[in-house]
Amino acid sequence: MKIGIIDLCKQIEDPRMNRKKVHKMETIIYISIAAVICGAQSWNEIEEFGNAKIAFFKSRIPSLEFIPSHDTFNRFFSMIKPDYFELIFRNWENKSVRR
């Protein structure tokens, strides 16, 4: 059974304060995963990838107005426990990728 990134995100508790949320958690994770799969290796490269592919992301994320900054990606992922995110990501990967 394949599950999407949105389903992955539903398993993660958003650690940010509500008043500081400009971008949805799903947007940050979706752009990050796509960028890393395509070779991004830093927060700056994730932001650059997002901006280069903004038309693609807007076609899939209707509420997207602009790509989060590299600082936003950095802050968001620094708040999530790495072991927890890895466990959920591997679970998603195992269910989504055909072997």
PDB file of N, CA and C in Angstrom:
ATOM      1  N   MET A   1       0.838  -1.177   0.000  1.00  0.00           N
ATOM      2  CA  MET A   1       0.000   0.000   0.000  1.00  0.00           C
ATOM      3  C   MET A   1       0.886   1.245   0.000  1.00  0.00           C
ATOM      4  N   LYS A   2       0.625   2.136  -0.938  1.00  0.00           N
ATOM      5  CA  LYS A   2       1.380   3.385  -0.991  1.00  0.00           C
ATOM      6  C   LYS A   2       0.659   4.447  -0.178  1.00  0.00           C
ATOM      7  N   ILE A   3       1.433   5.225   0.552  1.00  0.00           N
ATOM      8  CA  ILE A   3       0.869   6.369   1.264  1.00  0.00           C
ATOM      9  C   ILE A   3       1.659   7.606   0.867  1.00  0.00           C
ATOM     10  N   GLY A   4       1.010   8.755   0.907  1.00  0.00           N
ATOM     11  CA  GLY A   4       1.651   9.986   0.484  1.00  0.00           C
ATOM     12  C   GLY A   4       2.348  10.711   1.618  1.00  0.00           C
ATOM     13  N   ILE A   5       3.028  11.759   1.230  1.00  0.00           N
ATOM     14  CA  ILE A   5       3.747  12.561   2.218  1.00  0.00           C
ATOM     15  C   ILE A   5       2.773  13.211   3.194  1.00  0.00           C
ATOM     16  N   ILE A   6       1.587  13.550   2.732  1.00  0.00           N
ATOM     17  CA  ILE A   6       0.594  14.148   3.631  1.00  0.00           C
ATOM     18  C   ILE A   6       0.265  13.161   4.745  1.00  0.00           C
ATOM     19  N   ASP A   7       0.135  11.889   4.399  1.00  0.00           N
ATOM     20  CA  ASP A   7      -0.119  10.863   5.420  1.00  0.00           C
ATOM     21  C   ASP A   7       1.052  10.765   6.395  1.00  0.00           C
ATOM     22  N   LEU A   8       2.258  10.894   5.874  1.00  0.00           N
ATOM     23  CA  LEU A   8       3.454  10.903   6.728  1.00  0.00           C
ATOM     24  C   LEU A   8       3.369  12.053   7.726  1.00  0.00           C
ATOM     25  N   CYS A   9       3.001  13.210   7.226  1.00  0.00           N
ATOM     26  CA  CYS A   9       2.954  14.405   8.078  1.00  0.00           C
ATOM     27  C   CYS A   9       1.914  14.297   9.184  1.00  0.00           C
ATOM     28  N   LYS A  10       0.848  13.574   8.933  1.00  0.00           N
ATOM     29  CA  LYS A  10      -0.200  13.423   9.947  1.00  0.00           C
ATOM     30  C   LYS A  10       0.309  12.679  11.178  1.00  0.00           C
ATOM     31  N   GLN A  11       1.406  11.967  11.031  1.00  0.00           N
ATOM     32  CA  GLN A  11       1.976  11.210  12.144  1.00  0.00           C
ATOM     33  C   GLN A  11       2.960  12.045  12.968  1.00  0.00           C
ATOM     34  N   ILE A  12       3.269  13.242  12.492  1.00  0.00           N
ATOM     35  CA  ILE A  12       4.256  14.094  13.147  1.00  0.00           C
ATOM     36  C   ILE A  12       3.539  15.250  13.833  1.00  0.00           C
ATOM     37  N   GLU A  13       3.882  15.467  15.075  1.00  0.00           N
ATOM     38  CA  GLU A  13       3.318  16.608  15.797  1.00  0.00           C
ATOM     39  C   GLU A  13       4.118  17.852  15.431  1.00  0.00           C
ATOM     40  N   ASP A  14       3.418  18.881  14.997  1.00  0.00           N
ATOM     41  CA  ASP A  14       4.079  20.128  14.616  1.00  0.00           C
ATOM     42  C   ASP A  14       4.578  20.829  15.881  1.00  0.00           C
ATOM     43  N   PRO A  15       5.898  21.002  16.026  1.00  0.00           N
ATOM     44  CA  PRO A  15       6.453  21.561  17.260  1.00  0.00           C
ATOM     45  C   PRO A  15       6.389  23.092  17.347  1.00  0.00           C
ATOM     46  N   ARG A  16       5.944  23.739  16.285  1.00  0.00           N
ATOM     47  CA  ARG A  16       5.964  25.205  16.260  1.00  0.00           C
ATOM     48  C   ARG A  16       4.776  25.811  17.004  1.00  0.00           C
ATOM     49  N   MET A  17       4.962  27.041  17.470  1.00  0.00           N
ATOM     50  CA  MET A  17       3.861  27.773  18.094  1.00  0.00           C
ATOM     51  C   MET A  17       2.910  28.228  16.986  1.00  0.00           C
ATOM     52  N   ASN A  18       1.612  28.145  17.238  1.00  0.00           N
ATOM     53  CA  ASN A  18       0.622  28.487  16.213  1.00  0.00           C
ATOM     54  C   ASN A  18       0.833  29.872  15.620  1.00  0.00           C
ATOM     55  N   ARG A  19       1.157  30.833  16.439  1.00  0.00           N
ATOM     56  CA  ARG A  19       1.281  32.206  15.944  1.00  0.00           C
ATOM     57  C   ARG A  19       2.507  32.415  15.052  1.00  0.00           C
ATOM     58  N   LYS A  20       3.406  31.448  15.031  1.00  0.00           N
ATOM     59  CA  LYS A  20       4.613  31.584  14.217  1.00  0.00           C
ATOM     60  C   LYS A  20       4.563  30.738  12.945  1.00  0.00           C
ATOM     61  N   LYS A  21       3.430  30.127  12.676  1.00  0.00           N
ATOM     62  CA  LYS A  21       3.316  29.258  11.506  1.00  0.00           C
ATOM     63  C   LYS A  21       2.918  30.068  10.276  1.00  0.00           C
ATOM     64  N   VAL A  22       3.855  30.219   9.358  1.00  0.00           N
ATOM     65  CA  VAL A  22       3.570  30.876   8.085  1.00  0.00           C
ATOM     66  C   VAL A  22       3.279  29.812   7.034  1.00  0.00           C
ATOM     67  N   HIS A  23       4.025  28.719   7.077  1.00  0.00           N
ATOM     68  CA  HIS A  23       3.870  27.616   6.128  1.00  0.00           C
ATOM     69  C   HIS A  23       3.353  26.383   6.859  1.00  0.00           C
ATOM     70  N   LYS A  24       2.536  25.615   6.164  1.00  0.00           N
ATOM     71  CA  LYS A  24       2.057  24.360   6.745  1.00  0.00           C
ATOM     72  C   LYS A  24       3.230  23.394   6.884  1.00  0.00           C
ATOM     73  N   MET A  25       3.162  22.584   7.910  1.00  0.00           N
ATOM     74  CA  MET A  25       4.205  21.592   8.150  1.00  0.00           C
ATOM     75  C   MET A  25       4.357  20.674   6.933  1.00  0.00           C
ATOM     76  N   GLU A  26       3.236  20.287   6.326  1.00  0.00           N
ATOM     77  CA  GLU A  26       3.277  19.398   5.165  1.00  0.00           C
ATOM     78  C   GLU A  26       4.066  20.030   4.022  1.00  0.00           C
ATOM     79  N   THR A  27       3.914  21.330   3.845  1.00  0.00           N
ATOM     80  CA  THR A  27       4.629  22.041   2.785  1.00  0.00           C
ATOM     81  C   THR A  27       6.134  21.979   3.022  1.00  0.00           C
ATOM     82  N   ILE A  28       6.545  22.240   4.234  1.00  0.00           N
ATOM     83  CA  ILE A  28       7.974  22.229   4.573  1.00  0.00           C
ATOM     84  C   ILE A  28       8.565  20.838   4.348  1.00  0.00           C
ATOM     85  N   ILE A  29       7.864  19.822   4.808  1.00  0.00           N
ATOM     86  CA  ILE A  29       8.370  18.453   4.664  1.00  0.00           C
ATOM     87  C   ILE A  29       8.365  18.017   3.203  1.00  0.00           C
ATOM     88  N   TYR A  30       7.284  18.310   2.484  1.00  0.00           N
ATOM     89  CA  TYR A  30       7.163  17.907   1.075  1.00  0.00           C
ATOM     90  C   TYR A  30       8.289  18.510   0.234  1.00  0.00           C
ATOM     91  N   ILE A  31       8.500  19.809   0.354  1.00  0.00           N
ATOM     92  CA  ILE A  31       9.557  20.469  -0.417  1.00  0.00           C
ATOM     93  C   ILE A  31      10.927  19.929  -0.013  1.00  0.00           C
ATOM     94  N   SER A  32      11.136  19.712   1.268  1.00  0.00           N
ATOM     95  CA  SER A  32      12.424  19.197   1.756  1.00  0.00           C
ATOM     96  C   SER A  32      12.732  17.818   1.199  1.00  0.00           C
ATOM     97  N   ILE A  33      11.756  16.924   1.262  1.00  0.00           N
ATOM     98  CA  ILE A  33      11.978  15.563   0.767  1.00  0.00           C
ATOM     99  C   ILE A  33      12.250  15.580  -0.730  1.00  0.00           C
ATOM    100  N   ALA A  34      11.457  16.340  -1.484  1.00  0.00           N
ATOM    101  CA  ALA A  34      11.670  16.419  -2.933  1.00  0.00           C
ATOM    102  C   ALA A  34      13.059  16.965  -3.250  1.00  0.00           C
ATOM    103  N   ALA A  35      13.467  18.003  -2.541  1.00  0.00           N
ATOM    104  CA  ALA A  35      14.773  18.614  -2.794  1.00  0.00           C
ATOM    105  C   ALA A  35      15.923  17.660  -2.467  1.00  0.00           C
ATOM    106  N   VAL A  36      15.819  16.967  -1.352  1.00  0.00           N
ATOM    107  CA  VAL A  36      16.884  16.035  -0.954  1.00  0.00           C
ATOM    108  C   VAL A  36      16.961  14.862  -1.933  1.00  0.00           C
ATOM    109  N   ILE A  37      15.821  14.360  -2.365  1.00  0.00           N
ATOM    110  CA  ILE A  37      15.816  13.281  -3.361  1.00  0.00           C
ATOM    111  C   ILE A  37      16.520  13.738  -4.640  1.00  0.00           C
ATOM    112  N   CYS A  38      16.372  15.017  -4.964  1.00  0.00           N
ATOM    113  CA  CYS A  38      16.989  15.564  -6.175  1.00  0.00           C
ATOM    114  C   CYS A  38      18.404  16.094  -5.954  1.00  0.00           C
ATOM    115  N   GLY A  39      18.963  15.854  -4.769  1.00  0.00           N
ATOM    116  CA  GLY A  39      20.371  16.159  -4.545  1.00  0.00           C
ATOM    117  C   GLY A  39      20.695  17.323  -3.628  1.00  0.00           C
ATOM    118  N   ALA A  40      19.699  18.018  -3.100  1.00  0.00           N
ATOM    119  CA  ALA A  40      19.982  19.133  -2.186  1.00  0.00           C
ATOM    120  C   ALA A  40      20.670  18.606  -0.927  1.00  0.00           C
ATOM    121  N   GLN A  41      21.684  19.342  -0.472  1.00  0.00           N
ATOM    122  CA  GLN A  41      22.455  18.899   0.690  1.00  0.00           C
ATOM    123  C   GLN A  41      22.537  19.945   1.796  1.00  0.00           C
ATOM    124  N   SER A  42      21.829  21.043   1.630  1.00  0.00           N
ATOM    125  CA  SER A  42      21.844  22.083   2.663  1.00  0.00           C
ATOM    126  C   SER A  42      20.495  22.790   2.669  1.00  0.00           C
ATOM    127  N   TRP A  43      20.261  23.561   3.717  1.00  0.00           N
ATOM    128  CA  TRP A  43      19.007  24.318   3.800  1.00  0.00           C
ATOM    129  C   TRP A  43      18.939  25.323   2.656  1.00  0.00           C
ATOM    130  N   ASN A  44      20.058  25.934   2.306  1.00  0.00           N
ATOM    131  CA  ASN A  44      20.081  26.880   1.181  1.00  0.00           C
ATOM    132  C   ASN A  44      19.708  26.186  -0.123  1.00  0.00           C
ATOM    133  N   GLU A  45      20.235  24.989  -0.326  1.00  0.00           N
ATOM    134  CA  GLU A  45      19.934  24.254  -1.554  1.00  0.00           C
ATOM    135  C   GLU A  45      18.473  23.817  -1.597  1.00  0.00           C
ATOM    136  N   ILE A  46      17.895  23.506  -0.459  1.00  0.00           N
ATOM    137  CA  ILE A  46      16.470  23.157  -0.420  1.00  0.00           C
ATOM    138  C   ILE A  46      15.644  24.374  -0.826  1.00  0.00           C
ATOM    139  N   GLU A  47      15.976  25.534  -0.287  1.00  0.00           N
ATOM    140  CA  GLU A  47      15.266  26.763  -0.659  1.00  0.00           C
ATOM    141  C   GLU A  47      15.446  27.060  -2.150  1.00  0.00           C
ATOM    142  N   GLU A  48      16.667  26.944  -2.654  1.00  0.00           N
ATOM    143  CA  GLU A  48      16.939  27.195  -4.075  1.00  0.00           C
ATOM    144  C   GLU A  48      16.149  26.238  -4.961  1.00  0.00           C
ATOM    145  N   PHE A  49      16.113  24.972  -4.590  1.00  0.00           N
ATOM    146  CA  PHE A  49      15.356  23.981  -5.347  1.00  0.00           C
ATOM    147  C   PHE A  49      13.876  24.364  -5.367  1.00  0.00           C
ATOM    148  N   GLY A  50      13.345  24.714  -4.200  1.00  0.00           N
ATOM    149  CA  GLY A  50      11.941  25.103  -4.119  1.00  0.00           C
ATOM    150  C   GLY A  50      11.624  26.280  -5.021  1.00  0.00           C
ATOM    151  N   ASN A  51      12.481  27.281  -5.009  1.00  0.00           N
ATOM    152  CA  ASN A  51      12.257  28.453  -5.861  1.00  0.00           C
ATOM    153  C   ASN A  51      12.376  28.114  -7.342  1.00  0.00           C
ATOM    154  N   ALA A  52      13.296  27.216  -7.685  1.00  0.00           N
ATOM    155  CA  ALA A  52      13.458  26.809  -9.080  1.00  0.00           C
ATOM    156  C   ALA A  52      12.261  26.003  -9.574  1.00  0.00           C
ATOM    157  N   LYS A  53      11.587  25.319  -8.668  1.00  0.00           N
ATOM    158  CA  LYS A  53      10.450  24.452  -9.019  1.00  0.00           C
ATOM    159  C   LYS A  53       9.134  24.978  -8.445  1.00  0.00           C
ATOM    160  N   ILE A  54       9.042  26.280  -8.230  1.00  0.00           N
ATOM    161  CA  ILE A  54       7.871  26.821  -7.545  1.00  0.00           C
ATOM    162  C   ILE A  54       6.574  26.547  -8.308  1.00  0.00           C
ATOM    163  N   ALA A  55       6.606  26.572  -9.629  1.00  0.00           N
ATOM    164  CA  ALA A  55       5.388  26.281 -10.401  1.00  0.00           C
ATOM    165  C   ALA A  55       4.913  24.856 -10.126  1.00  0.00           C
ATOM    166  N   PHE A  56       5.848  23.927 -10.063  1.00  0.00           N
ATOM    167  CA  PHE A  56       5.509  22.535  -9.744  1.00  0.00           C
ATOM    168  C   PHE A  56       4.868  22.448  -8.365  1.00  0.00           C
ATOM    169  N   PHE A  57       5.496  23.070  -7.371  1.00  0.00           N
ATOM    170  CA  PHE A  57       4.964  22.986  -6.006  1.00  0.00           C
ATOM    171  C   PHE A  57       3.616  23.687  -5.876  1.00  0.00           C
ATOM    172  N   LYS A  58       3.434  24.815  -6.570  1.00  0.00           N
ATOM    173  CA  LYS A  58       2.139  25.503  -6.527  1.00  0.00           C
ATOM    174  C   LYS A  58       1.042  24.660  -7.161  1.00  0.00           C
ATOM    175  N   SER A  59       1.400  23.841  -8.141  1.00  0.00           N
ATOM    176  CA  SER A  59       0.390  22.980  -8.773  1.00  0.00           C
ATOM    177  C   SER A  59      -0.054  21.854  -7.840  1.00  0.00           C
ATOM    178  N   ARG A  60       0.745  21.545  -6.850  1.00  0.00           N
ATOM    179  CA  ARG A  60       0.416  20.475  -5.907  1.00  0.00           C
ATOM    180  C   ARG A  60       0.013  20.990  -4.533  1.00  0.00           C
ATOM    181  N   ILE A  61       0.379  22.222  -4.233  1.00  0.00           N
ATOM    182  CA  ILE A  61       0.048  22.838  -2.943  1.00  0.00           C
ATOM    183  C   ILE A  61      -0.662  24.163  -3.251  1.00  0.00           C
ATOM    184  N   PRO A  62      -1.973  24.122  -3.471  1.00  0.00           N
ATOM    185  CA  PRO A  62      -2.705  25.327  -3.892  1.00  0.00           C
ATOM    186  C   PRO A  62      -2.541  26.535  -2.966  1.00  0.00           C
ATOM    187  N   SER A  63      -2.349  26.305  -1.690  1.00  0.00           N
ATOM    188  CA  SER A  63      -2.232  27.420  -0.739  1.00  0.00           C
ATOM    189  C   SER A  63      -0.827  28.038  -0.708  1.00  0.00           C
ATOM    190  N   LEU A  64       0.118  27.456  -1.431  1.00  0.00           N
ATOM    191  CA  LEU A  64       1.502  27.942  -1.404  1.00  0.00           C
ATOM    192  C   LEU A  64       1.619  29.290  -2.108  1.00  0.00           C
ATOM    193  N   GLU A  65       2.122  30.283  -1.400  1.00  0.00           N
ATOM    194  CA  GLU A  65       2.349  31.602  -1.989  1.00  0.00           C
ATOM    195  C   GLU A  65       3.819  31.810  -2.314  1.00  0.00           C
ATOM    196  N   PHE A  66       4.687  31.313  -1.443  1.00  0.00           N
ATOM    197  CA  PHE A  66       6.125  31.437  -1.666  1.00  0.00           C
ATOM    198  C   PHE A  66       6.827  30.301  -0.927  1.00  0.00           C
ATOM    199  N   ILE A  67       8.053  30.025  -1.340  1.00  0.00           N
ATOM    200  CA  ILE A  67       8.845  28.939  -0.763  1.00  0.00           C
ATOM    201  C   ILE A  67       9.397  29.389   0.592  1.00  0.00           C
ATOM    202  N   PRO A  68       9.350  28.519   1.587  1.00  0.00           N
ATOM    203  CA  PRO A  68       9.950  28.869   2.884  1.00  0.00           C
ATOM    204  C   PRO A  68      11.443  29.181   2.720  1.00  0.00           C
ATOM    205  N   SER A  69      11.953  30.013   3.595  1.00  0.00           N
ATOM    206  CA  SER A  69      13.379  30.363   3.543  1.00  0.00           C
ATOM    207  C   SER A  69      14.228  29.225   4.102  1.00  0.00           C
ATOM    208  N   HIS A  70      15.513  29.289   3.813  1.00  0.00           N
ATOM    209  CA  HIS A  70      16.432  28.282   4.355  1.00  0.00           C
ATOM    210  C   HIS A  70      16.403  28.302   5.879  1.00  0.00           C
ATOM    211  N   ASP A  71      16.207  29.474   6.466  1.00  0.00           N
ATOM    212  CA  ASP A  71      16.115  29.563   7.928  1.00  0.00           C
ATOM    213  C   ASP A  71      14.877  28.839   8.458  1.00  0.00           C
ATOM    214  N   THR A  72      13.777  28.926   7.722  1.00  0.00           N
ATOM    215  CA  THR A  72      12.550  28.232   8.127  1.00  0.00           C
ATOM    216  C   THR A  72      12.760  26.728   8.107  1.00  0.00           C
ATOM    217  N   PHE A  73      13.357  26.208   7.027  1.00  0.00           N
ATOM    218  CA  PHE A  73      13.639  24.769   6.963  1.00  0.00           C
ATOM    219  C   PHE A  73      14.529  24.359   8.136  1.00  0.00           C
ATOM    220  N   ASN A  74      15.569  25.126   8.375  1.00  0.00           N
ATOM    221  CA  ASN A  74      16.514  24.826   9.454  1.00  0.00           C
ATOM    222  C   ASN A  74      15.816  24.820  10.809  1.00  0.00           C
ATOM    223  N   ARG A  75      15.065  25.878  11.101  1.00  0.00           N
ATOM    224  CA  ARG A  75      14.379  25.963  12.400  1.00  0.00           C
ATOM    225  C   ARG A  75      13.388  24.819  12.577  1.00  0.00           C
ATOM    226  N   PHE A  76      12.608  24.544  11.528  1.00  0.00           N
ATOM    227  CA  PHE A  76      11.599  23.494  11.636  1.00  0.00           C
ATOM    228  C   PHE A  76      12.236  22.145  11.959  1.00  0.00           C
ATOM    229  N   PHE A  77      13.237  21.756  11.174  1.00  0.00           N
ATOM    230  CA  PHE A  77      13.842  20.437  11.381  1.00  0.00           C
ATOM    231  C   PHE A  77      14.685  20.369  12.651  1.00  0.00           C
ATOM    232  N   SER A  78      15.138  21.507  13.147  1.00  0.00           N
ATOM    233  CA  SER A  78      15.877  21.480  14.413  1.00  0.00           C
ATOM    234  C   SER A  78      14.946  21.253  15.602  1.00  0.00           C
ATOM    235  N   MET A  79      13.653  21.473  15.406  1.00  0.00           N
ATOM    236  CA  MET A  79      12.674  21.254  16.481  1.00  0.00           C
ATOM    237  C   MET A  79      12.181  19.813  16.557  1.00  0.00           C
ATOM    238  N   ILE A  80      12.340  19.077  15.470  1.00  0.00           N
ATOM    239  CA  ILE A  80      11.853  17.694  15.433  1.00  0.00           C
ATOM    240  C   ILE A  80      12.958  16.761  15.904  1.00  0.00           C
ATOM    241  N   LYS A  81      12.596  15.812  16.736  1.00  0.00           N
ATOM    242  CA  LYS A  81      13.578  14.831  17.208  1.00  0.00           C
ATOM    243  C   LYS A  81      14.000  13.960  16.028  1.00  0.00           C
ATOM    244  N   PRO A  82      15.301  13.921  15.717  1.00  0.00           N
ATOM    245  CA  PRO A  82      15.772  13.180  14.546  1.00  0.00           C
ATOM    246  C   PRO A  82      15.382  11.703  14.548  1.00  0.00           C
ATOM    247  N   ASP A  83      15.494  11.044  15.686  1.00  0.00           N
ATOM    248  CA  ASP A  83      15.156   9.618  15.738  1.00  0.00           C
ATOM    249  C   ASP A  83      13.684   9.389  15.437  1.00  0.00           C
ATOM    250  N   TYR A  84      12.843  10.269  15.934  1.00  0.00           N
ATOM    251  CA  TYR A  84      11.401  10.167  15.712  1.00  0.00           C
ATOM    252  C   TYR A  84      11.077  10.377  14.235  1.00  0.00           C
ATOM    253  N   PHE A  85      11.661  11.425  13.629  1.00  0.00           N
ATOM    254  CA  PHE A  85      11.409  11.691  12.215  1.00  0.00           C
ATOM    255  C   PHE A  85      11.930  10.547  11.355  1.00  0.00           C
ATOM    256  N   GLU A  86      13.094  10.033  11.693  1.00  0.00           N
ATOM    257  CA  GLU A  86      13.662   8.918  10.924  1.00  0.00           C
ATOM    258  C   GLU A  86      12.749   7.699  10.980  1.00  0.00           C
ATOM    259  N   LEU A  87      12.222   7.382  12.146  1.00  0.00           N
ATOM    260  CA  LEU A  87      11.324   6.241  12.295  1.00  0.00           C
ATOM    261  C   LEU A  87      10.082   6.406  11.421  1.00  0.00           C
ATOM    262  N   ILE A  88       9.479   7.576  11.471  1.00  0.00           N
ATOM    263  CA  ILE A  88       8.281   7.822  10.679  1.00  0.00           C
ATOM    264  C   ILE A  88       8.614   7.832   9.188  1.00  0.00           C
ATOM    265  N   PHE A  89       9.744   8.441   8.817  1.00  0.00           N
ATOM    266  CA  PHE A  89      10.139   8.479   7.414  1.00  0.00           C
ATOM    267  C   PHE A  89      10.405   7.077   6.879  1.00  0.00           C
ATOM    268  N   ARG A  90      11.101   6.266   7.640  1.00  0.00           N
ATOM    269  CA  ARG A  90      11.378   4.887   7.196  1.00  0.00           C
ATOM    270  C   ARG A  90      10.086   4.080   7.069  1.00  0.00           C
ATOM    271  N   ASN A  91       9.164   4.295   7.974  1.00  0.00           N
ATOM    272  CA  ASN A  91       7.871   3.628   7.896  1.00  0.00           C
ATOM    273  C   ASN A  91       7.151   4.036   6.608  1.00  0.00           C
ATOM    274  N   TRP A  92       7.154   5.338   6.303  1.00  0.00           N
ATOM    275  CA  TRP A  92       6.542   5.833   5.073  1.00  0.00           C
ATOM    276  C   TRP A  92       7.249   5.243   3.852  1.00  0.00           C
ATOM    277  N   GLU A  93       8.572   5.246   3.886  1.00  0.00           N
ATOM    278  CA  GLU A  93       9.363   4.722   2.779  1.00  0.00           C
ATOM    279  C   GLU A  93       9.040   3.248   2.527  1.00  0.00           C
ATOM    280  N   ASN A  94       8.974   2.461   3.587  1.00  0.00           N
ATOM    281  CA  ASN A  94       8.681   1.034   3.449  1.00  0.00           C
ATOM    282  C   ASN A  94       7.299   0.780   2.868  1.00  0.00           C
ATOM    283  N   LYS A  95       6.340   1.622   3.205  1.00  0.00           N
ATOM    284  CA  LYS A  95       4.981   1.450   2.697  1.00  0.00           C
ATOM    285  C   LYS A  95       4.807   2.024   1.299  1.00  0.00           C
ATOM    286  N   SER A  96       5.665   2.959   0.917  1.00  0.00           N
ATOM    287  CA  SER A  96       5.481   3.687  -0.333  1.00  0.00           C
ATOM    288  C   SER A  96       6.317   3.176  -1.498  1.00  0.00           C
ATOM    289  N   VAL A  97       7.476   2.672  -1.211  1.00  0.00           N
ATOM    290  CA  VAL A  97       8.404   2.288  -2.268  1.00  0.00           C
ATOM    291  C   VAL A  97       8.270   0.800  -2.557  1.00  0.00           C
ATOM    292  N   ARG A  98       8.095   0.518  -3.826  1.00  0.00           N
ATOM    293  CA  ARG A  98       8.047  -0.901  -4.211  1.00  0.00           C
ATOM    294  C   ARG A  98       9.450  -1.462  -4.192  1.00  0.00           C
ATOM    295  N   ARG A  99       9.558  -2.648  -3.697  1.00  0.00           N
ATOM    296  CA  ARG A  99      10.875  -3.294  -3.651  1.00  0.00           C
ATOM    297  C   ARG A  99      10.938  -4.398  -4.659  1.00  0.00           C
TER     298      ARG A  99
END
